Amino acid sequence: MMGTALSRWSMSYFTAALSFLVGAQMLMVAGYGFPAMAAEAPETLVLVHMVAIGWLSLLMCGALFQFVPVLVARPLRWERLVLPAMICLLAGLTLLLAGFLQLAGVFETGISLLALAGTLLPAGFLLVVGVLGATLWGAGLPLPARFVAVGLPCVLVTAILGALFALLFSGFLPALAEIDFRTQALPVHIAMGLGGWLSFTAVGVSYRLLPMFMLSPDRERASSRAVWWGGVAALLLTALTPPIAAVLLKTGLPDATSPATVLAVLFGMACLILYGFDLAFFYRHRKRRIIELNSRAAQGAFLALALSAVLLLGLLATGTLDQHIGALLYLVAFGWLSGLGLSQLYKIVPFLTWLECYGPVMGKKPTPRVQDLVKERRGWIWFALYFLGVLAGTESLLVDQPGLFRAAAAVTLLATLAIVVELVLARRLANVPDGRRLPEGASRPRLFLPRLPLNSDKWRPQ
């Protein structure tokens, strides 16, 4: 990483993502959307897409713009498209949320906001995929990069299906009204988004970040390759089963897709088990005996992933998946994905800040360590509080207690705000002693905007 160019706009992506996370949690505390309202209500859709696109997807994009070049040891291609991609995503998401509010009757306009969102969001994700795909194209792909390469078409499928939903709700393409989107397209939309784009890509990135931050062996293992192959098989089965079932239903043939669904679940569970073995290997064989808070906090996210798998099996066995799908998705989104995202941001933000500030004087002037930019003794309290709040929120959803859920959401909101404050303090170098904060030749980074022109070679640490 020391010779790698900093991603110019990653910090801006992270800032926007955290803003949407805090906003969504505030709405939950206020009782807006699920579980106080129906899962299919427009208010719930506002919450869902603030989290899925505004928080998780923007976070993933910002991280990939920085780390994909590291994975393949080559510079980011088409870097000038990164800012237009963010503009399209933010504008499209704003229009999407406004369109849902329009459906809820909050206001009326003569413009189809959902249709506009259905154009801008796919365009934004297409730009993201173009930049990352061009960087991956022609490079020798190590295992983590192969996970990312699978996640990119998944986000395109998710965005295209989302655009079709938006057009359907807007009254365009009336032929779509004949399709049962709830049973045929919605499962694929969710699976490709949460499972393929976000989870599968997060697994791949973790195969690089954890060994890098803990100094663990990062060679490819047979179990890691099996996770990739099994995950690809599970995603393909999940994506193809609903359309095949629809064709069989139209032709009057009996539905024989249930075995494919069972097989997809089995592949997914096998992948999670093997992934767990790989995680245990990284932690057990690390050279850094005392691991930093980001690696310790990530264990809470991995535990949430395991609990999500157990909960899914339990709901399938009892036939209550439809009844408690909200609790399962909440645990996946806030326990696994958000927990992993926040824990890694606690290291990534100080790491990039250190490179930006002290990289130009590295080896020339005394500089603080990356760990000196944060206060881990204070930070672990917030992560513990966050994961306890997520567990309490999941349990309250399982027992159908909206009031308790709002209280648990308030706990996660408090913890998230505290973690954001810690990231801001790290970005402002507030935890570094005055005498070591800014040696000659170093400059204080801006909070979330880049300081140097895009074509400046000074942006690259020496």
Protein backbone atom coordinates (compact mmCIF):
# COMPACT_ATOMS: atom_id res chain seq x y z
CA MET A 1 0.00 0.00 0.00
CA MET A 2 2.88 2.41 0.64
CA GLY A 3 3.49 3.01 -3.08
CA THR A 4 -0.16 3.08 -4.05
CA ALA A 5 -1.96 6.24 -5.14
CA LEU A 6 -4.71 7.40 -2.86
CA SER A 7 -8.21 7.20 -4.26
CA ARG A 8 -9.20 10.82 -4.70
CA TRP A 9 -12.91 10.54 -3.88
CA SER A 10 -13.08 7.56 -1.48
CA MET A 11 -13.35 9.78 1.59
CA SER A 12 -16.25 11.63 -0.02
CA TYR A 13 -18.00 8.32 -0.67
CA PHE A 14 -17.44 7.32 2.97
CA THR A 15 -18.84 10.64 4.24
CA ALA A 16 -21.99 10.37 2.14
CA ALA A 17 -22.42 6.73 3.18
CA LEU A 18 -22.16 7.49 6.90
CA SER A 19 -24.62 10.35 6.50
CA PHE A 20 -27.22 7.99 5.05
CA LEU A 21 -26.57 5.42 7.79
CA VAL A 22 -27.12 7.98 10.55
CA GLY A 23 -30.21 9.32 8.76
CA ALA A 24 -31.73 5.86 8.41
CA GLN A 25 -31.10 5.06 12.07
CA MET A 26 -32.73 8.32 13.12
CA LEU A 27 -35.84 7.39 11.14
CA MET A 28 -35.91 3.97 12.83
CA VAL A 29 -35.73 5.57 16.25
CA ALA A 30 -38.62 7.85 15.24
CA GLY A 31 -40.72 4.81 14.32
CA TYR A 32 -40.66 5.51 10.60
CA GLY A 33 -41.14 2.51 8.32
CA PHE A 34 -40.83 -1.14 9.34
CA PRO A 35 -41.77 -2.56 11.85
CA ALA A 36 -44.29 0.16 12.68
CA MET A 37 -45.47 0.00 9.05
CA ALA A 38 -45.79 -2.81 6.55
CA ALA A 39 -42.65 -4.18 4.90
CA GLU A 40 -43.94 -3.16 1.46
CA ALA A 41 -44.98 0.37 2.52
CA PRO A 42 -43.28 3.29 0.72
CA GLU A 43 -41.92 4.51 4.07
CA THR A 44 -40.17 1.16 4.55
CA LEU A 45 -38.77 1.33 1.03
CA VAL A 46 -37.25 4.70 1.93
CA LEU A 47 -35.43 3.11 4.86
CA VAL A 48 -34.34 0.04 2.91
CA HIS A 49 -32.78 2.01 0.09
CA MET A 50 -31.14 4.54 2.38
CA VAL A 51 -29.33 1.60 3.94
CA ALA A 52 -28.75 -0.58 0.87
CA ILE A 53 -27.72 2.14 -1.59
CA GLY A 54 -26.96 5.22 0.50
CA TRP A 55 -24.92 3.47 3.19
CA LEU A 56 -23.73 0.03 2.09
CA SER A 57 -23.31 0.54 -1.66
CA LEU A 58 -21.59 3.93 -1.39
CA LEU A 59 -19.32 2.48 1.28
CA MET A 60 -18.48 -0.48 -0.95
CA CYS A 61 -17.79 1.75 -3.96
CA GLY A 62 -15.47 4.02 -1.97
CA ALA A 63 -13.57 1.04 -0.57
CA LEU A 64 -13.22 -0.69 -3.95
CA PHE A 65 -11.89 2.43 -5.66
CA GLN A 66 -9.04 2.34 -3.14
CA PHE A 67 -8.42 -1.39 -2.81
CA VAL A 68 -9.05 -2.88 -6.25
CA PRO A 69 -5.80 -1.28 -7.51
CA VAL A 70 -4.08 -2.87 -4.51
CA LEU A 71 -5.58 -6.28 -5.31
CA VAL A 72 -4.32 -6.31 -8.90
CA ALA A 73 -1.19 -4.12 -8.46
CA ARG A 74 -2.14 -1.61 -11.14
CA PRO A 75 -3.55 1.95 -11.07
CA LEU A 76 -7.24 2.69 -11.19
CA ARG A 77 -8.43 3.03 -14.78
CA TRP A 78 -10.83 5.75 -15.97
CA GLU A 79 -10.45 7.55 -12.63
CA ARG A 80 -12.16 10.67 -13.97
CA LEU A 81 -15.46 8.77 -13.97
CA VAL A 82 -15.43 8.26 -10.19
CA LEU A 83 -16.90 11.69 -9.41
CA PRO A 84 -19.63 11.50 -12.13
CA ALA A 85 -20.53 8.07 -10.75
CA MET A 86 -20.99 9.51 -7.25
CA ILE A 87 -23.07 12.40 -8.61
CA CYS A 88 -25.34 9.99 -10.51
CA LEU A 89 -25.73 7.73 -7.48
CA LEU A 90 -26.51 10.57 -5.07
CA ALA A 91 -28.90 12.29 -7.48
CA GLY A 92 -30.58 8.99 -8.37
CA LEU A 93 -30.96 7.97 -4.74
CA THR A 94 -32.41 11.38 -3.83
CA LEU A 95 -34.97 11.04 -6.62
CA LEU A 96 -35.73 7.46 -5.59
CA LEU A 97 -36.42 8.44 -1.99
CA ALA A 98 -38.53 11.38 -3.16
CA GLY A 99 -40.42 9.03 -5.47
CA PHE A 100 -41.26 6.74 -2.56
CA LEU A 101 -42.47 9.72 -0.56
CA GLN A 102 -44.57 10.64 -3.58
CA LEU A 103 -46.10 7.16 -3.50
CA ALA A 104 -46.81 7.63 0.21
CA GLY A 105 -48.78 10.81 -0.58
CA VAL A 106 -46.37 13.17 1.17
CA PHE A 107 -46.38 15.48 -1.86
CA GLU A 108 -47.55 15.50 -5.46
CA THR A 109 -45.69 16.51 -8.60
CA GLY A 110 -46.35 16.12 -12.28
CA ILE A 111 -42.96 14.46 -12.74
CA SER A 112 -42.29 10.75 -12.40
CA LEU A 113 -39.45 10.87 -9.92
CA LEU A 114 -39.11 7.09 -9.77
CA ALA A 115 -38.61 6.91 -13.53
CA LEU A 116 -35.81 9.49 -13.31
CA ALA A 117 -34.24 7.55 -10.47
CA GLY A 118 -34.51 4.40 -12.55
CA THR A 119 -32.29 6.08 -15.12
CA LEU A 120 -29.68 7.77 -12.91
CA LEU A 121 -29.02 4.93 -10.46
CA PRO A 122 -28.23 2.29 -13.12
CA ALA A 123 -26.09 4.89 -14.90
CA GLY A 124 -24.14 5.54 -11.70
CA PHE A 125 -23.59 1.85 -11.02
CA LEU A 126 -22.63 1.31 -14.67
CA LEU A 127 -19.90 3.94 -14.28
CA VAL A 128 -18.70 2.25 -11.09
CA VAL A 129 -18.60 -1.14 -12.81
CA GLY A 130 -16.85 0.43 -15.81
CA VAL A 131 -14.05 1.91 -13.69
CA LEU A 132 -13.54 -1.21 -11.58
CA GLY A 133 -14.04 -3.61 -14.49
CA ALA A 134 -11.49 -1.74 -16.64
CA THR A 135 -9.02 -1.93 -13.75
CA LEU A 136 -9.56 -5.67 -13.36
CA TRP A 137 -9.61 -6.39 -17.11
CA GLY A 138 -6.43 -8.01 -18.35
CA ALA A 139 -4.87 -8.19 -14.91
CA GLY A 140 -3.97 -11.42 -13.23
CA LEU A 141 -6.80 -11.81 -10.75
CA PRO A 142 -5.86 -13.07 -7.30
CA LEU A 143 -8.65 -14.67 -5.30
CA PRO A 144 -9.98 -11.48 -3.60
CA ALA A 145 -10.22 -9.77 -7.00
CA ARG A 146 -12.22 -12.73 -8.37
CA PHE A 147 -14.81 -12.14 -5.65
CA VAL A 148 -15.06 -8.50 -6.74
CA ALA A 149 -15.35 -9.60 -10.38
CA VAL A 150 -18.47 -11.61 -9.46
CA GLY A 151 -19.93 -8.79 -7.38
CA LEU A 152 -19.83 -6.31 -10.28
CA PRO A 153 -22.36 -8.10 -12.55
CA CYS A 154 -24.49 -8.71 -9.44
CA VAL A 155 -24.83 -4.97 -8.81
CA LEU A 156 -25.78 -4.44 -12.46
CA VAL A 157 -28.52 -7.09 -12.21
CA THR A 158 -29.74 -5.49 -8.97
CA ALA A 159 -29.78 -2.01 -10.53
CA ILE A 160 -31.57 -3.17 -13.69
CA LEU A 161 -34.27 -4.97 -11.70
CA GLY A 162 -34.62 -1.91 -9.49
CA ALA A 163 -35.07 0.27 -12.57
CA LEU A 164 -37.81 -2.08 -13.83
CA PHE A 165 -39.54 -1.80 -10.45
CA ALA A 166 -39.34 1.99 -10.67
CA LEU A 167 -40.80 2.01 -14.19
CA LEU A 168 -43.57 -0.35 -13.10
CA PHE A 169 -44.53 1.87 -10.16
CA SER A 170 -44.42 4.90 -12.47
CA GLY A 171 -46.92 3.37 -14.90
CA PHE A 172 -44.43 2.86 -17.71
CA LEU A 173 -43.97 -0.42 -19.59
CA PRO A 174 -47.50 -1.74 -18.89
CA ALA A 175 -46.42 -5.18 -20.09
CA LEU A 176 -44.48 -5.51 -16.83
CA ALA A 177 -47.77 -5.49 -14.92
CA GLU A 178 -48.36 -9.07 -16.07
CA ILE A 179 -45.23 -10.23 -14.25
CA ASP A 180 -45.51 -11.18 -10.58
CA PHE A 181 -42.54 -9.12 -9.46
CA ARG A 182 -42.99 -10.01 -5.80
CA THR A 183 -42.34 -13.73 -6.33
CA GLN A 184 -40.27 -13.69 -9.52
CA ALA A 185 -38.06 -10.59 -9.48
CA LEU A 186 -37.97 -9.33 -5.89
CA PRO A 187 -36.11 -12.40 -4.49
CA VAL A 188 -33.48 -12.03 -7.21
CA HIS A 189 -33.23 -8.26 -6.56
CA ILE A 190 -32.58 -8.88 -2.85
CA ALA A 191 -30.28 -11.88 -3.33
CA MET A 192 -28.11 -10.21 -5.97
CA GLY A 193 -27.92 -7.01 -3.93
CA LEU A 194 -27.35 -8.26 -0.39
CA GLY A 195 -25.88 -11.63 -1.32
CA GLY A 196 -23.90 -10.99 -4.50
CA TRP A 197 -22.91 -7.33 -4.63
CA LEU A 198 -22.53 -6.57 -0.93
CA SER A 199 -21.84 -9.86 0.90
CA PHE A 200 -19.85 -11.74 -1.74
CA THR A 201 -17.72 -8.65 -2.46
CA ALA A 202 -17.24 -8.01 1.27
CA VAL A 203 -16.02 -11.57 1.71
CA GLY A 204 -13.50 -11.06 -1.08
CA VAL A 205 -12.24 -7.75 0.32
CA SER A 206 -11.91 -9.32 3.77
CA TYR A 207 -9.60 -11.96 2.29
CA ARG A 208 -7.18 -9.10 1.59
CA LEU A 209 -7.82 -6.63 4.41
CA LEU A 210 -7.62 -9.05 7.34
CA PRO A 211 -4.24 -10.57 6.39
CA MET A 212 -2.91 -7.11 5.55
CA PHE A 213 -3.90 -5.53 8.86
CA MET A 214 -3.08 -8.58 11.05
CA LEU A 215 0.05 -9.67 9.12
CA SER A 216 -1.44 -13.11 8.45
CA PRO A 217 -0.49 -15.48 5.59
CA ASP A 218 -2.48 -14.41 2.54
CA ARG A 219 -1.74 -17.23 0.10
CA GLU A 220 -4.67 -18.87 -1.66
CA ARG A 221 -6.06 -21.91 0.13
CA ALA A 222 -8.20 -24.72 -1.22
CA SER A 223 -10.95 -23.72 1.20
CA SER A 224 -10.88 -20.14 -0.08
CA ARG A 225 -11.23 -21.28 -3.67
CA ALA A 226 -14.11 -23.54 -2.61
CA VAL A 227 -15.83 -20.53 -1.03
CA TRP A 228 -15.61 -18.72 -4.38
CA TRP A 229 -16.90 -21.63 -6.46
CA GLY A 230 -19.67 -22.48 -4.01
CA GLY A 231 -20.74 -18.84 -3.76
CA VAL A 232 -20.90 -18.50 -7.54
CA ALA A 233 -23.02 -21.65 -7.76
CA ALA A 234 -25.38 -20.43 -5.01
CA LEU A 235 -25.80 -17.04 -6.69
CA LEU A 236 -26.49 -18.59 -10.11
CA LEU A 237 -29.08 -20.97 -8.67
CA THR A 238 -30.73 -18.14 -6.74
CA ALA A 239 -30.84 -15.88 -9.79
CA LEU A 240 -32.14 -18.50 -12.24
CA THR A 241 -34.68 -20.35 -10.11
CA PRO A 242 -37.51 -17.72 -10.03
CA PRO A 243 -37.51 -17.08 -13.81
CA ILE A 244 -37.45 -20.82 -14.53
CA ALA A 245 -40.34 -21.33 -12.12
CA ALA A 246 -42.29 -18.58 -13.91
CA VAL A 247 -41.72 -20.23 -17.30
CA LEU A 248 -42.81 -23.60 -15.97
CA LEU A 249 -45.94 -22.04 -14.49
CA LYS A 250 -46.85 -20.34 -17.77
CA THR A 251 -46.39 -23.51 -19.79
CA GLY A 252 -48.45 -25.55 -17.35
CA LEU A 253 -45.54 -27.79 -16.41
CA PRO A 254 -45.05 -28.78 -12.76
CA ASP A 255 -42.67 -26.61 -10.74
CA ALA A 256 -39.48 -28.61 -10.25
CA THR A 257 -37.33 -25.77 -8.92
CA SER A 258 -37.55 -26.62 -5.22
CA PRO A 259 -34.45 -28.86 -5.38
CA ALA A 260 -32.52 -25.97 -6.94
CA THR A 261 -33.53 -23.71 -4.04
CA VAL A 262 -32.44 -26.32 -1.51
CA LEU A 263 -29.17 -26.76 -3.39
CA ALA A 264 -28.56 -23.00 -3.35
CA VAL A 265 -29.06 -22.93 0.43
CA LEU A 266 -26.70 -25.89 0.86
CA PHE A 267 -24.03 -24.25 -1.28
CA GLY A 268 -24.42 -21.03 0.69
CA MET A 269 -24.12 -22.75 4.05
CA ALA A 270 -21.07 -24.73 2.92
CA CYS A 271 -19.45 -21.48 1.82
CA LEU A 272 -20.09 -19.87 5.19
CA ILE A 273 -18.58 -22.83 7.04
CA LEU A 274 -15.44 -22.79 4.88
CA TYR A 275 -15.24 -19.01 5.19
CA GLY A 276 -15.35 -19.45 8.95
CA PHE A 277 -12.39 -21.85 8.77
CA ASP A 278 -10.44 -19.31 6.71
CA LEU A 279 -11.22 -16.53 9.20
CA ALA A 280 -10.04 -18.73 12.06
CA PHE A 281 -6.83 -19.40 10.10
CA PHE A 282 -6.17 -15.67 9.66
CA TYR A 283 -6.68 -14.90 13.34
CA ARG A 284 -4.77 -17.94 14.57
CA HIS A 285 -1.71 -17.49 12.31
CA ARG A 286 -1.33 -13.72 12.54
CA LYS A 287 2.12 -12.31 13.24
CA ARG A 288 0.64 -9.33 15.07
CA ARG A 289 -0.07 -10.86 18.47
CA ILE A 290 -2.04 -7.90 19.82
CA ILE A 291 -4.53 -7.12 17.08
CA GLU A 292 -6.01 -3.69 16.60
CA LEU A 293 -9.60 -2.72 17.32
CA ASN A 294 -10.77 -2.98 13.71
CA SER A 295 -9.85 -6.68 13.61
CA ARG A 296 -11.37 -7.33 17.03
CA ALA A 297 -14.58 -5.48 16.16
CA ALA A 298 -14.84 -7.39 12.87
CA GLN A 299 -15.33 -10.54 14.94
CA GLY A 300 -18.72 -9.14 15.95
CA ALA A 301 -19.66 -8.86 12.27
CA PHE A 302 -18.53 -12.42 11.59
CA LEU A 303 -20.57 -13.62 14.56
CA ALA A 304 -23.60 -11.78 13.16
CA LEU A 305 -23.06 -13.53 9.81
CA ALA A 306 -23.01 -16.90 11.54
CA LEU A 307 -26.13 -16.02 13.53
CA SER A 308 -27.83 -14.95 10.30
CA ALA A 309 -27.16 -18.38 8.79
CA VAL A 310 -28.50 -20.12 11.90
CA LEU A 311 -31.57 -17.89 11.92
CA LEU A 312 -32.23 -18.57 8.23
CA LEU A 313 -32.08 -22.33 8.78
CA GLY A 314 -34.36 -22.02 11.80
CA LEU A 315 -36.92 -19.95 9.91
CA LEU A 316 -36.87 -22.35 6.96
CA ALA A 317 -37.28 -25.35 9.27
CA THR A 318 -40.25 -23.79 11.06
CA GLY A 319 -41.85 -22.34 7.92
CA THR A 320 -41.77 -18.80 9.36
CA LEU A 321 -39.36 -17.17 6.92
CA ASP A 322 -42.02 -14.88 5.43
CA GLN A 323 -43.14 -13.85 8.91
CA HIS A 324 -39.66 -12.98 10.21
CA ILE A 325 -37.81 -12.00 7.03
CA GLY A 326 -37.48 -8.46 8.41
CA ALA A 327 -35.49 -9.66 11.43
CA LEU A 328 -33.19 -11.73 9.21
CA LEU A 329 -32.51 -8.89 6.79
CA TYR A 330 -31.92 -6.49 9.69
CA LEU A 331 -29.31 -8.82 11.19
CA VAL A 332 -27.59 -9.24 7.82
CA ALA A 333 -27.63 -5.52 6.96
CA PHE A 334 -26.73 -4.09 10.37
CA GLY A 335 -24.93 -6.96 12.09
CA TRP A 336 -22.87 -8.46 9.28
CA LEU A 337 -22.49 -5.82 6.56
CA SER A 338 -22.70 -2.61 8.63
CA GLY A 339 -20.69 -4.12 11.47
CA LEU A 340 -17.93 -5.12 9.09
CA GLY A 341 -18.08 -1.77 7.31
CA LEU A 342 -17.83 0.31 10.49
CA SER A 343 -15.06 -1.85 11.93
CA GLN A 344 -12.93 -1.57 8.80
CA LEU A 345 -13.60 2.15 8.43
CA TYR A 346 -12.09 2.51 11.89
CA LYS A 347 -8.81 1.38 10.32
CA ILE A 348 -9.19 2.52 6.71
CA VAL A 349 -9.90 6.19 7.50
CA PRO A 350 -6.84 6.61 9.77
CA PHE A 351 -4.75 4.55 7.33
CA LEU A 352 -5.63 6.73 4.33
CA THR A 353 -5.32 9.87 6.46
CA TRP A 354 -1.83 8.80 7.51
CA LEU A 355 -0.81 8.14 3.89
CA GLU A 356 -2.22 11.48 2.76
CA CYS A 357 -0.66 13.49 5.56
CA TYR A 358 2.61 11.72 6.38
CA GLY A 359 3.32 9.77 3.19
CA PRO A 360 5.25 12.64 1.57
CA VAL A 361 7.61 12.92 4.58
CA MET A 362 7.90 9.22 5.39
CA GLY A 363 11.55 8.40 6.04
CA LYS A 364 12.47 12.08 6.15
CA LYS A 365 10.77 13.27 9.35
CA PRO A 366 9.59 11.53 12.54
CA THR A 367 5.92 10.64 12.11
CA PRO A 368 3.28 9.11 14.40
CA ARG A 369 2.00 5.59 13.85
CA VAL A 370 -1.34 4.90 12.20
CA GLN A 371 -2.60 3.64 15.58
CA ASP A 372 -1.81 7.03 17.13
CA LEU A 373 -4.59 8.63 15.07
CA VAL A 374 -7.28 6.81 17.12
CA LYS A 375 -7.99 5.99 20.76
CA GLU A 376 -8.84 2.29 20.85
CA ARG A 377 -9.57 2.23 24.59
CA ARG A 378 -12.47 4.55 23.91
CA GLY A 379 -13.49 3.05 20.59
CA TRP A 380 -14.10 -0.52 21.75
CA ILE A 381 -16.96 0.70 23.97
CA TRP A 382 -18.83 2.05 20.96
CA PHE A 383 -18.43 -1.15 18.94
CA ALA A 384 -19.59 -3.28 21.86
CA LEU A 385 -22.61 -1.00 22.29
CA TYR A 386 -23.33 -1.15 18.56
CA PHE A 387 -23.40 -4.95 18.31
CA LEU A 388 -25.44 -5.28 21.52
CA GLY A 389 -27.97 -2.87 20.02
CA VAL A 390 -28.15 -4.89 16.79
CA LEU A 391 -28.73 -8.13 18.68
CA ALA A 392 -31.43 -6.49 20.81
CA GLY A 393 -33.07 -5.04 17.70
CA THR A 394 -33.11 -8.43 15.96
CA GLU A 395 -34.65 -10.11 18.99
CA SER A 396 -37.32 -7.41 19.30
CA LEU A 397 -38.27 -7.95 15.65
CA LEU A 398 -38.53 -11.69 16.19
CA VAL A 399 -40.93 -11.21 19.11
CA ASP A 400 -42.81 -8.41 17.29
CA GLN A 401 -42.10 -5.58 19.74
CA PRO A 402 -41.80 -2.31 17.75
CA GLY A 403 -41.29 -0.24 20.90
CA LEU A 404 -38.30 -2.31 22.00
CA PHE A 405 -36.93 -2.14 18.46
CA ARG A 406 -36.96 1.65 18.57
CA ALA A 407 -35.06 1.57 21.87
CA ALA A 408 -32.50 -0.84 20.42
CA ALA A 409 -32.19 1.34 17.31
CA ALA A 410 -31.46 4.29 19.59
CA VAL A 411 -28.55 2.33 21.08
CA THR A 412 -27.11 1.56 17.65
CA LEU A 413 -27.59 5.20 16.63
CA LEU A 414 -25.71 6.42 19.69
CA ALA A 415 -22.86 3.98 19.01
CA THR A 416 -22.74 4.91 15.32
CA LEU A 417 -22.58 8.63 16.09
CA ALA A 418 -19.74 7.98 18.53
CA ILE A 419 -17.83 5.96 15.91
CA VAL A 420 -18.35 8.75 13.36
CA VAL A 421 -16.95 11.25 15.87
CA GLU A 422 -13.91 9.00 16.33
CA LEU A 423 -13.38 8.95 12.55
CA VAL A 424 -13.65 12.75 12.38
CA LEU A 425 -11.12 13.10 15.21
CA ALA A 426 -8.76 10.77 13.36
CA ARG A 427 -9.23 12.73 10.15
CA ARG A 428 -8.46 16.00 11.94
CA LEU A 429 -5.38 14.45 13.68
CA ALA A 430 -6.92 15.44 17.01
CA ASN A 431 -5.49 12.42 18.88
CA VAL A 432 -1.89 13.09 17.79
CA PRO A 433 0.22 15.10 20.28
CA ASP A 434 0.86 18.68 19.15
CA GLY A 435 4.59 18.22 18.80
CA ARG A 436 4.25 15.33 16.33
CA ARG A 437 1.05 16.36 14.56
CA LEU A 438 2.36 18.25 11.54
CA PRO A 439 6.09 17.88 10.85
CA GLU A 440 7.59 20.10 8.18
CA GLY A 441 6.37 19.02 4.75
CA ALA A 442 3.14 17.45 6.02
CA SER A 443 -0.28 19.03 5.52
CA ARG A 444 -3.53 18.52 7.38
CA PRO A 445 -6.03 16.58 5.23
CA ARG A 446 -9.42 18.03 4.46
CA LEU A 447 -12.30 16.33 6.18
CA PHE A 448 -13.87 14.66 3.16
CA LEU A 449 -12.87 16.58 0.02
CA PRO A 450 -9.58 16.05 -1.87
CA ARG A 451 -7.01 18.81 -1.62
CA LEU A 452 -5.00 18.40 -4.83
CA PRO A 453 -6.01 18.50 -8.51
CA LEU A 454 -6.86 15.18 -10.12
CA ASN A 455 -3.78 15.15 -12.35
CA SER A 456 -1.32 16.09 -9.64
CA ASP A 457 1.53 13.62 -9.13
CA LYS A 458 1.94 15.01 -5.60
CA TRP A 459 -1.13 13.03 -4.61
CA ARG A 460 0.96 9.87 -4.70
CA PRO A 461 2.94 9.16 -1.51
CA GLN A 462 6.67 8.97 -2.16
